[in-house]
Amino acid sequence: MFDPIAYFFANILLLLYDFLGQQTVAAIAVLTLLINLLVLPLTLKQQQSSRKMQEFQPEIEKLQKKYGNDKERLSQEQMKLYKEAGINPMGGCLLLIIQMPIWFGLIGAIRYCIPSGPLELFRFSQHIYKWLPSVVGLVPLQSTFLGMDLGQPPSSAQWWSYSLPILVFATSWLQQKLLTPPTTGDSESQAAMMNRQMQIMMPLMFMFFTLQYATGLSIYFTISSLIRMAQYYFVQRGRDSDKSEGKGKKKS
C-alpha cells in the first residue's frame, strides 16, 4: 500500500547519500528536513491553533464557571468559541493522520536502502529511477552508527540502541508539552482532555514505533521534534516582537 511512497523516499535517500559523502545519518537527517518542509503549512496551522487556544484560555475558563453544571451546554459554547476564533481543536489529529503514510513510506525506504536480504535488494533494484544511474551500486547503504545497525530494530545485543527510542519519547514529549495549551479551572473541555491525553499518548506511540522498526526511524522522529520545537520558538519570538512593536506605537 505504501510502496510507491517508500520507493520515492528510497530514491531521494540514495541521492542524498551520494551527495553527502555516503553518510547515512546525514542523508536521513536531510530527508527529515525536506519532509518537514513539505508539511510545514500544516504544522504552522497546528501551532497557530495551539497559540489561539492559549490566548482564549481565560474565555474558556469563564464558560467553565458559567456552564460547569451543564456539560452539554459547556461543550456547545466552547465549540462556538472555537469556531468564531478559527480554532480547530482536532488539528493535531489531522496532522497525525496525514503523516502516517510518510512514516510507513520512510520505514519502507530504510528497509530497501539497508535491505536485510537479497529479495528486498532485488525488489528495490527494479524501482531505482532511471535518471539516477550513479546510485545503482550504492545499495546497501552504510548501516552502522555508533555501533548500532540503522536497518534493524533496537535489540538486547546492542543494548545502547534502546537509548534512541527513549530520546524519541523525550523530544516528542517536550514538543507536545510546548504545543499543549495550559488548562485552568476545575473542569476541562473535551478538547482540553484530549490534548492532555495526546501529550502522553503520542510520544508513547512514537517510541513504540521506533522499538518495532529500523533504528534509523528514531533519527527521523528525533530530528522532526527538534525542528518543530525550533519552529515554534522562532514563530513565537516573532509574534512577541510584533506585540512589543505594537505596544510601542500605541504609547507614542
C-alpha atoms as a PDB file:
ATOM      1  CA  MET A   1       0.000   0.000   0.000  1.00  0.00           C
ATOM      2  CA  PHE A   2       2.807   2.436   0.894  1.00  0.00           C
ATOM      3  CA  ASP A   3       5.363   1.040  -1.569  1.00  0.00           C
ATOM      4  CA  PRO A   4       5.143   3.970  -4.056  1.00  0.00           C
ATOM      5  CA  ILE A   5       5.943   6.392  -1.212  1.00  0.00           C
ATOM      6  CA  ALA A   6       8.695   4.071   0.039  1.00  0.00           C
ATOM      7  CA  TYR A   7      10.301   3.825  -3.413  1.00  0.00           C
ATOM      8  CA  PHE A   8      10.195   7.614  -3.801  1.00  0.00           C
ATOM      9  CA  PHE A   9      11.799   8.212  -0.385  1.00  0.00           C
ATOM     10  CA  ALA A  10      14.358   5.477  -1.037  1.00  0.00           C
ATOM     11  CA  ASN A  11      15.461   7.129  -4.279  1.00  0.00           C
ATOM     12  CA  ILE A  12      15.728  10.528  -2.594  1.00  0.00           C
ATOM     13  CA  LEU A  13      17.662   8.907   0.262  1.00  0.00           C
ATOM     14  CA  LEU A  14      20.083   7.341  -2.232  1.00  0.00           C
ATOM     15  CA  LEU A  15      20.576  10.686  -3.969  1.00  0.00           C
ATOM     16  CA  LEU A  16      21.282  12.454  -0.661  1.00  0.00           C
ATOM     17  CA  TYR A  17      23.568   9.612   0.456  1.00  0.00           C
ATOM     18  CA  ASP A  18      25.654  10.004  -2.702  1.00  0.00           C
ATOM     19  CA  PHE A  19      25.697  13.804  -2.445  1.00  0.00           C
ATOM     20  CA  LEU A  20      26.624  13.883   1.268  1.00  0.00           C
ATOM     21  CA  GLY A  21      29.692  11.686   1.025  1.00  0.00           C
ATOM     22  CA  GLN A  22      27.875   8.387   1.666  1.00  0.00           C
ATOM     23  CA  GLN A  23      26.868   9.294   5.221  1.00  0.00           C
ATOM     24  CA  THR A  24      23.606   7.503   6.055  1.00  0.00           C
ATOM     25  CA  VAL A  25      22.714   9.534   9.143  1.00  0.00           C
ATOM     26  CA  ALA A  26      23.313  12.785   7.264  1.00  0.00           C
ATOM     27  CA  ALA A  27      21.111  11.558   4.403  1.00  0.00           C
ATOM     28  CA  ILE A  28      18.279  10.633   6.811  1.00  0.00           C
ATOM     29  CA  ALA A  29      18.651  14.000   8.577  1.00  0.00           C
ATOM     30  CA  VAL A  30      18.378  15.995   5.332  1.00  0.00           C
ATOM     31  CA  LEU A  31      15.445  13.859   4.156  1.00  0.00           C
ATOM     32  CA  THR A  32      13.770  14.579   7.504  1.00  0.00           C
ATOM     33  CA  LEU A  33      14.283  18.311   6.938  1.00  0.00           C
ATOM     34  CA  LEU A  34      12.774  18.064   3.435  1.00  0.00           C
ATOM     35  CA  ILE A  35       9.742  16.141   4.724  1.00  0.00           C
ATOM     36  CA  ASN A  36       9.195  18.719   7.472  1.00  0.00           C
ATOM     37  CA  LEU A  37       9.353  21.493   4.888  1.00  0.00           C
ATOM     38  CA  LEU A  38       6.713  19.597   2.904  1.00  0.00           C
ATOM     39  CA  VAL A  39       4.290  19.515   5.853  1.00  0.00           C
ATOM     40  CA  LEU A  40       5.294  22.989   7.093  1.00  0.00           C
ATOM     41  CA  PRO A  41       1.929  24.620   6.208  1.00  0.00           C
ATOM     42  CA  LEU A  42       0.118  22.016   8.307  1.00  0.00           C
ATOM     43  CA  THR A  43       2.461  22.300  11.288  1.00  0.00           C
ATOM     44  CA  LEU A  44       2.257  26.096  11.216  1.00  0.00           C
ATOM     45  CA  LYS A  45      -1.534  25.901  11.174  1.00  0.00           C
ATOM     46  CA  GLN A  46      -1.473  23.459  14.106  1.00  0.00           C
ATOM     47  CA  GLN A  47       0.846  25.697  16.100  1.00  0.00           C
ATOM     48  CA  GLN A  48      -1.256  28.781  15.337  1.00  0.00           C
ATOM     49  CA  SER A  49      -4.337  26.918  16.555  1.00  0.00           C
ATOM     50  CA  SER A  50      -2.481  25.930  19.725  1.00  0.00           C
ATOM     51  CA  ARG A  51      -1.441  29.533  20.397  1.00  0.00           C
ATOM     52  CA  LYS A  52      -5.002  30.743  19.876  1.00  0.00           C
ATOM     53  CA  MET A  53      -6.234  28.162  22.382  1.00  0.00           C
ATOM     54  CA  GLN A  54      -3.721  29.522  24.891  1.00  0.00           C
ATOM     55  CA  GLU A  55      -4.922  33.076  24.270  1.00  0.00           C
ATOM     56  CA  PHE A  56      -8.576  32.098  24.664  1.00  0.00           C
ATOM     57  CA  GLN A  57      -7.995  30.080  27.826  1.00  0.00           C
ATOM     58  CA  PRO A  58      -9.431  32.862  30.065  1.00  0.00           C
ATOM     59  CA  GLU A  59     -12.611  32.877  27.940  1.00  0.00           C
ATOM     60  CA  ILE A  60     -12.828  29.096  28.204  1.00  0.00           C
ATOM     61  CA  GLU A  61     -12.417  29.351  31.979  1.00  0.00           C
ATOM     62  CA  LYS A  62     -15.341  31.799  32.112  1.00  0.00           C
ATOM     63  CA  LEU A  63     -17.505  29.339  30.187  1.00  0.00           C
ATOM     64  CA  GLN A  64     -16.475  26.553  32.560  1.00  0.00           C
ATOM     65  CA  LYS A  65     -17.591  28.629  35.543  1.00  0.00           C
ATOM     66  CA  LYS A  66     -20.834  29.634  33.870  1.00  0.00           C
ATOM     67  CA  TYR A  67     -21.870  26.243  32.479  1.00  0.00           C
ATOM     68  CA  GLY A  68     -19.927  23.917  34.786  1.00  0.00           C
ATOM     69  CA  ASN A  69     -23.084  22.031  35.753  1.00  0.00           C
ATOM     70  CA  ASP A  70     -24.290  21.622  32.171  1.00  0.00           C
ATOM     71  CA  LYS A  71     -21.672  19.619  30.284  1.00  0.00           C
ATOM     72  CA  GLU A  72     -23.620  19.591  27.024  1.00  0.00           C
ATOM     73  CA  ARG A  73     -24.132  23.369  27.001  1.00  0.00           C
ATOM     74  CA  LEU A  74     -20.497  23.896  28.009  1.00  0.00           C
ATOM     75  CA  SER A  75     -19.329  21.805  25.058  1.00  0.00           C
ATOM     76  CA  GLN A  76     -21.627  23.702  22.680  1.00  0.00           C
ATOM     77  CA  GLU A  77     -20.426  27.102  23.889  1.00  0.00           C
ATOM     78  CA  GLN A  78     -16.769  26.072  23.687  1.00  0.00           C
ATOM     79  CA  MET A  79     -17.174  24.779  20.141  1.00  0.00           C
ATOM     80  CA  LYS A  80     -18.934  28.045  19.258  1.00  0.00           C
ATOM     81  CA  LEU A  81     -15.995  29.993  20.684  1.00  0.00           C
ATOM     82  CA  TYR A  82     -13.507  27.848  18.757  1.00  0.00           C
ATOM     83  CA  LYS A  83     -15.457  28.367  15.533  1.00  0.00           C
ATOM     84  CA  GLU A  84     -15.617  32.145  15.950  1.00  0.00           C
ATOM     85  CA  ALA A  85     -11.875  32.283  16.692  1.00  0.00           C
ATOM     86  CA  GLY A  86     -10.973  29.965  13.808  1.00  0.00           C
ATOM     87  CA  ILE A  87      -9.542  27.341  16.167  1.00  0.00           C
ATOM     88  CA  ASN A  88      -9.508  23.665  15.237  1.00  0.00           C
ATOM     89  CA  PRO A  89      -9.020  21.681  18.491  1.00  0.00           C
ATOM     90  CA  MET A  90      -8.623  18.499  16.431  1.00  0.00           C
ATOM     91  CA  GLY A  91      -5.894  19.922  14.200  1.00  0.00           C
ATOM     92  CA  GLY A  92      -3.236  17.741  15.815  1.00  0.00           C
ATOM     93  CA  CYS A  93      -5.165  14.592  14.908  1.00  0.00           C
ATOM     94  CA  LEU A  94      -5.410  15.702  11.274  1.00  0.00           C
ATOM     95  CA  LEU A  95      -1.664  16.257  11.099  1.00  0.00           C
ATOM     96  CA  LEU A  96      -1.117  12.823  12.656  1.00  0.00           C
ATOM     97  CA  ILE A  97      -3.328  11.100  10.049  1.00  0.00           C
ATOM     98  CA  ILE A  98      -1.599  12.869   7.159  1.00  0.00           C
ATOM     99  CA  GLN A  99       1.856  11.935   8.457  1.00  0.00           C
ATOM    100  CA  MET A 100       1.152   8.209   8.867  1.00  0.00           C
ATOM    101  CA  PRO A 101       1.759   7.379   5.146  1.00  0.00           C
ATOM    102  CA  ILE A 102       5.033   9.324   5.409  1.00  0.00           C
ATOM    103  CA  TRP A 103       6.163   7.229   8.390  1.00  0.00           C
ATOM    104  CA  PHE A 104       5.387   3.919   6.721  1.00  0.00           C
ATOM    105  CA  GLY A 105       6.946   5.153   3.486  1.00  0.00           C
ATOM    106  CA  LEU A 106      10.118   6.058   5.370  1.00  0.00           C
ATOM    107  CA  ILE A 107      10.146   2.653   7.100  1.00  0.00           C
ATOM    108  CA  GLY A 108       9.996   1.023   3.672  1.00  0.00           C
ATOM    109  CA  ALA A 109      12.681   3.332   2.287  1.00  0.00           C
ATOM    110  CA  ILE A 110      15.109   2.392   5.063  1.00  0.00           C
ATOM    111  CA  ARG A 111      14.285  -1.287   4.543  1.00  0.00           C
ATOM    112  CA  TYR A 112      15.021  -1.017   0.815  1.00  0.00           C
ATOM    113  CA  CYS A 113      18.192   1.062   1.192  1.00  0.00           C
ATOM    114  CA  ILE A 114      19.515  -1.138   4.020  1.00  0.00           C
ATOM    115  CA  PRO A 115      17.999  -4.493   2.999  1.00  0.00           C
ATOM    116  CA  SER A 116      18.089  -7.476   5.313  1.00  0.00           C
ATOM    117  CA  GLY A 117      18.117  -9.966   2.449  1.00  0.00           C
ATOM    118  CA  PRO A 118      18.636 -10.321  -1.329  1.00  0.00           C
ATOM    119  CA  LEU A 119      14.882 -10.333  -2.060  1.00  0.00           C
ATOM    120  CA  GLU A 120      14.381  -6.770  -0.825  1.00  0.00           C
ATOM    121  CA  LEU A 121      17.521  -5.681  -2.653  1.00  0.00           C
ATOM    122  CA  PHE A 122      16.192  -7.209  -5.880  1.00  0.00           C
ATOM    123  CA  ARG A 123      12.739  -5.635  -5.471  1.00  0.00           C
ATOM    124  CA  PHE A 124      14.173  -2.181  -4.962  1.00  0.00           C
ATOM    125  CA  SER A 125      16.644  -2.503  -7.839  1.00  0.00           C
ATOM    126  CA  GLN A 126      13.636  -2.603 -10.185  1.00  0.00           C
ATOM    127  CA  HIS A 127      12.407   0.743  -8.847  1.00  0.00           C
ATOM    128  CA  ILE A 128      15.543   2.897  -8.854  1.00  0.00           C
ATOM    129  CA  TYR A 129      14.782   5.903 -11.028  1.00  0.00           C
ATOM    130  CA  LYS A 130      16.471   5.814 -14.429  1.00  0.00           C
ATOM    131  CA  TRP A 131      17.722   9.375 -14.035  1.00  0.00           C
ATOM    132  CA  LEU A 132      19.811   8.230 -11.042  1.00  0.00           C
ATOM    133  CA  PRO A 133      22.275   5.798 -12.680  1.00  0.00           C
ATOM    134  CA  SER A 134      25.107   6.861 -10.381  1.00  0.00           C
ATOM    135  CA  VAL A 135      23.379   5.464  -7.269  1.00  0.00           C
ATOM    136  CA  VAL A 136      22.674   1.937  -8.536  1.00  0.00           C
ATOM    137  CA  GLY A 137      25.752   0.440  -6.892  1.00  0.00           C
ATOM    138  CA  LEU A 138      25.293   2.233  -3.551  1.00  0.00           C
ATOM    139  CA  VAL A 139      22.755  -0.194  -2.084  1.00  0.00           C
ATOM    140  CA  PRO A 140      23.058  -1.367   0.637  1.00  0.00           C
ATOM    141  CA  LEU A 141      23.912   1.897   2.408  1.00  0.00           C
ATOM    142  CA  GLN A 142      26.405   2.049   5.264  1.00  0.00           C
ATOM    143  CA  SER A 143      24.219   0.952   8.173  1.00  0.00           C
ATOM    144  CA  THR A 144      26.489   1.291  11.233  1.00  0.00           C
ATOM    145  CA  PHE A 145      26.103   4.316  13.503  1.00  0.00           C
ATOM    146  CA  LEU A 146      27.716   4.377  16.974  1.00  0.00           C
ATOM    147  CA  GLY A 147      27.871   0.597  16.811  1.00  0.00           C
ATOM    148  CA  MET A 148      24.147   0.298  16.013  1.00  0.00           C
ATOM    149  CA  ASP A 149      22.621  -1.146  12.863  1.00  0.00           C
ATOM    150  CA  LEU A 150      20.315   1.526  11.422  1.00  0.00           C
ATOM    151  CA  GLY A 151      18.472  -1.072   9.352  1.00  0.00           C
ATOM    152  CA  GLN A 152      17.468  -3.213  12.348  1.00  0.00           C
ATOM    153  CA  PRO A 153      15.192  -2.553  15.360  1.00  0.00           C
ATOM    154  CA  PRO A 154      16.816  -1.955  18.777  1.00  0.00           C
ATOM    155  CA  SER A 155      17.930  -5.206  20.383  1.00  0.00           C
ATOM    156  CA  SER A 156      19.489  -6.530  23.570  1.00  0.00           C
ATOM    157  CA  ALA A 157      22.630  -7.433  21.594  1.00  0.00           C
ATOM    158  CA  GLN A 158      23.110  -3.681  21.093  1.00  0.00           C
ATOM    159  CA  TRP A 159      21.534  -2.558  24.348  1.00  0.00           C
ATOM    160  CA  TRP A 160      22.568   1.069  23.862  1.00  0.00           C
ATOM    161  CA  SER A 161      20.294   1.188  20.795  1.00  0.00           C
ATOM    162  CA  TYR A 162      17.322   1.479  23.205  1.00  0.00           C
ATOM    163  CA  SER A 163      18.549   4.980  24.045  1.00  0.00           C
ATOM    164  CA  LEU A 164      17.244   6.223  20.686  1.00  0.00           C
ATOM    165  CA  PRO A 165      13.567   5.289  21.314  1.00  0.00           C
ATOM    166  CA  ILE A 166      13.911   6.907  24.760  1.00  0.00           C
ATOM    167  CA  LEU A 167      15.269  10.036  23.056  1.00  0.00           C
ATOM    168  CA  VAL A 168      12.318   9.909  20.658  1.00  0.00           C
ATOM    169  CA  PHE A 169       9.912   9.837  23.621  1.00  0.00           C
ATOM    170  CA  ALA A 170      11.696  12.697  25.410  1.00  0.00           C
ATOM    171  CA  THR A 171      11.846  15.053  22.405  1.00  0.00           C
ATOM    172  CA  SER A 172       8.286  14.227  21.348  1.00  0.00           C
ATOM    173  CA  TRP A 173       7.006  14.825  24.890  1.00  0.00           C
ATOM    174  CA  LEU A 174       8.767  18.193  25.017  1.00  0.00           C
ATOM    175  CA  GLN A 175       7.225  19.102  21.670  1.00  0.00           C
ATOM    176  CA  GLN A 176       3.731  18.136  22.835  1.00  0.00           C
ATOM    177  CA  LYS A 177       4.272  19.951  26.140  1.00  0.00           C
ATOM    178  CA  LEU A 178       5.204  23.101  24.250  1.00  0.00           C
ATOM    179  CA  LEU A 179       2.159  22.931  21.980  1.00  0.00           C
ATOM    180  CA  THR A 180      -0.448  21.853  24.545  1.00  0.00           C
ATOM    181  CA  PRO A 181      -2.406  24.808  25.936  1.00  0.00           C
ATOM    182  CA  PRO A 182      -2.349  25.072  29.752  1.00  0.00           C
ATOM    183  CA  THR A 183      -5.586  24.081  31.469  1.00  0.00           C
ATOM    184  CA  THR A 184      -7.066  26.229  34.207  1.00  0.00           C
ATOM    185  CA  GLY A 185     -10.224  25.926  36.264  1.00  0.00           C
ATOM    186  CA  ASP A 186     -11.774  22.929  37.950  1.00  0.00           C
ATOM    187  CA  SER A 187     -13.281  21.378  34.829  1.00  0.00           C
ATOM    188  CA  GLU A 188     -11.884  20.643  31.413  1.00  0.00           C
ATOM    189  CA  SER A 189     -13.448  20.645  27.990  1.00  0.00           C
ATOM    190  CA  GLN A 190     -13.453  17.508  25.913  1.00  0.00           C
ATOM    191  CA  ALA A 191     -10.861  19.063  23.592  1.00  0.00           C
ATOM    192  CA  ALA A 192      -8.625  20.008  26.541  1.00  0.00           C
ATOM    193  CA  MET A 193      -8.773  16.497  27.980  1.00  0.00           C
ATOM    194  CA  MET A 194      -7.931  15.056  24.566  1.00  0.00           C
ATOM    195  CA  ASN A 195      -4.948  17.404  24.273  1.00  0.00           C
ATOM    196  CA  ARG A 196      -3.677  16.269  27.678  1.00  0.00           C
ATOM    197  CA  GLN A 197      -4.021  12.623  26.653  1.00  0.00           C
ATOM    198  CA  MET A 198      -2.254  13.272  23.344  1.00  0.00           C
ATOM    199  CA  GLN A 199       0.644  14.828  25.253  1.00  0.00           C
ATOM    200  CA  ILE A 200       1.455  11.368  26.637  1.00  0.00           C
ATOM    201  CA  MET A 201      -0.065   9.010  24.064  1.00  0.00           C
ATOM    202  CA  MET A 202       1.704  10.417  21.004  1.00  0.00           C
ATOM    203  CA  PRO A 203       5.231  10.213  22.475  1.00  0.00           C
ATOM    204  CA  LEU A 204       4.455   6.668  23.657  1.00  0.00           C
ATOM    205  CA  MET A 205       3.214   5.751  20.185  1.00  0.00           C
ATOM    206  CA  PHE A 206       6.334   7.171  18.548  1.00  0.00           C
ATOM    207  CA  MET A 207       8.542   5.274  20.985  1.00  0.00           C
ATOM    208  CA  PHE A 208       6.619   2.063  20.266  1.00  0.00           C
ATOM    209  CA  PHE A 209       7.125   2.630  16.533  1.00  0.00           C
ATOM    210  CA  THR A 210      10.854   3.035  16.928  1.00  0.00           C
ATOM    211  CA  LEU A 211      11.115  -0.083  19.104  1.00  0.00           C
ATOM    212  CA  GLN A 212       9.454  -2.172  16.384  1.00  0.00           C
ATOM    213  CA  TYR A 213      11.107  -0.805  13.264  1.00  0.00           C
ATOM    214  CA  ALA A 214      14.554   0.127  11.968  1.00  0.00           C
ATOM    215  CA  THR A 215      16.714   2.219  14.281  1.00  0.00           C
ATOM    216  CA  GLY A 216      17.091   4.788  11.500  1.00  0.00           C
ATOM    217  CA  LEU A 217      13.458   5.763  12.104  1.00  0.00           C
ATOM    218  CA  SER A 218      14.449   7.093  15.547  1.00  0.00           C
ATOM    219  CA  ILE A 219      16.668   9.655  13.857  1.00  0.00           C
ATOM    220  CA  TYR A 220      13.707  10.895  11.811  1.00  0.00           C
ATOM    221  CA  PHE A 221      11.396  11.309  14.827  1.00  0.00           C
ATOM    222  CA  THR A 222      14.052  12.966  16.996  1.00  0.00           C
ATOM    223  CA  ILE A 223      15.096  15.492  14.360  1.00  0.00           C
ATOM    224  CA  SER A 224      11.453  16.192  13.447  1.00  0.00           C
ATOM    225  CA  SER A 225      10.627  17.046  17.066  1.00  0.00           C
ATOM    226  CA  LEU A 226      13.677  19.314  17.349  1.00  0.00           C
ATOM    227  CA  ILE A 227      12.767  21.083  14.092  1.00  0.00           C
ATOM    228  CA  ARG A 228       9.195  21.734  15.255  1.00  0.00           C
ATOM    229  CA  MET A 229      10.296  22.994  18.652  1.00  0.00           C
ATOM    230  CA  ALA A 230      12.726  25.389  16.947  1.00  0.00           C
ATOM    231  CA  GLN A 231       9.997  26.403  14.513  1.00  0.00           C
ATOM    232  CA  TYR A 232       7.590  27.118  17.364  1.00  0.00           C
ATOM    233  CA  TYR A 233      10.252  29.114  19.208  1.00  0.00           C
ATOM    234  CA  PHE A 234      11.057  31.368  16.244  1.00  0.00           C
ATOM    235  CA  VAL A 235       7.405  31.885  15.308  1.00  0.00           C
ATOM    236  CA  GLN A 236       6.531  32.723  18.937  1.00  0.00           C
ATOM    237  CA  ARG A 237       9.542  35.029  19.187  1.00  0.00           C
ATOM    238  CA  GLY A 238       8.440  36.862  16.057  1.00  0.00           C
ATOM    239  CA  ARG A 239       4.918  37.130  17.437  1.00  0.00           C
ATOM    240  CA  ASP A 240       6.158  38.555  20.762  1.00  0.00           C
ATOM    241  CA  SER A 241       8.325  41.026  18.837  1.00  0.00           C
ATOM    242  CA  ASP A 242       5.319  42.193  16.815  1.00  0.00           C
ATOM    243  CA  LYS A 243       3.316  42.681  20.036  1.00  0.00           C
ATOM    244  CA  SER A 244       6.128  44.758  21.562  1.00  0.00           C
ATOM    245  CA  GLU A 245       6.290  46.946  18.474  1.00  0.00           C
ATOM    246  CA  GLY A 246       2.514  47.376  18.525  1.00  0.00           C
ATOM    247  CA  LYS A 247       2.568  48.491  22.187  1.00  0.00           C
ATOM    248  CA  GLY A 248       5.407  50.901  21.428  1.00  0.00           C
ATOM    249  CA  LYS A 249       3.424  52.521  18.609  1.00  0.00           C
ATOM    250  CA  LYS A 250       0.351  52.908  20.846  1.00  0.00           C
ATOM    251  CA  LYS A 251       2.398  54.664  23.554  1.00  0.00           C
ATOM    252  CA  SER A 252       3.937  57.043  21.049  1.00  0.00           C
END
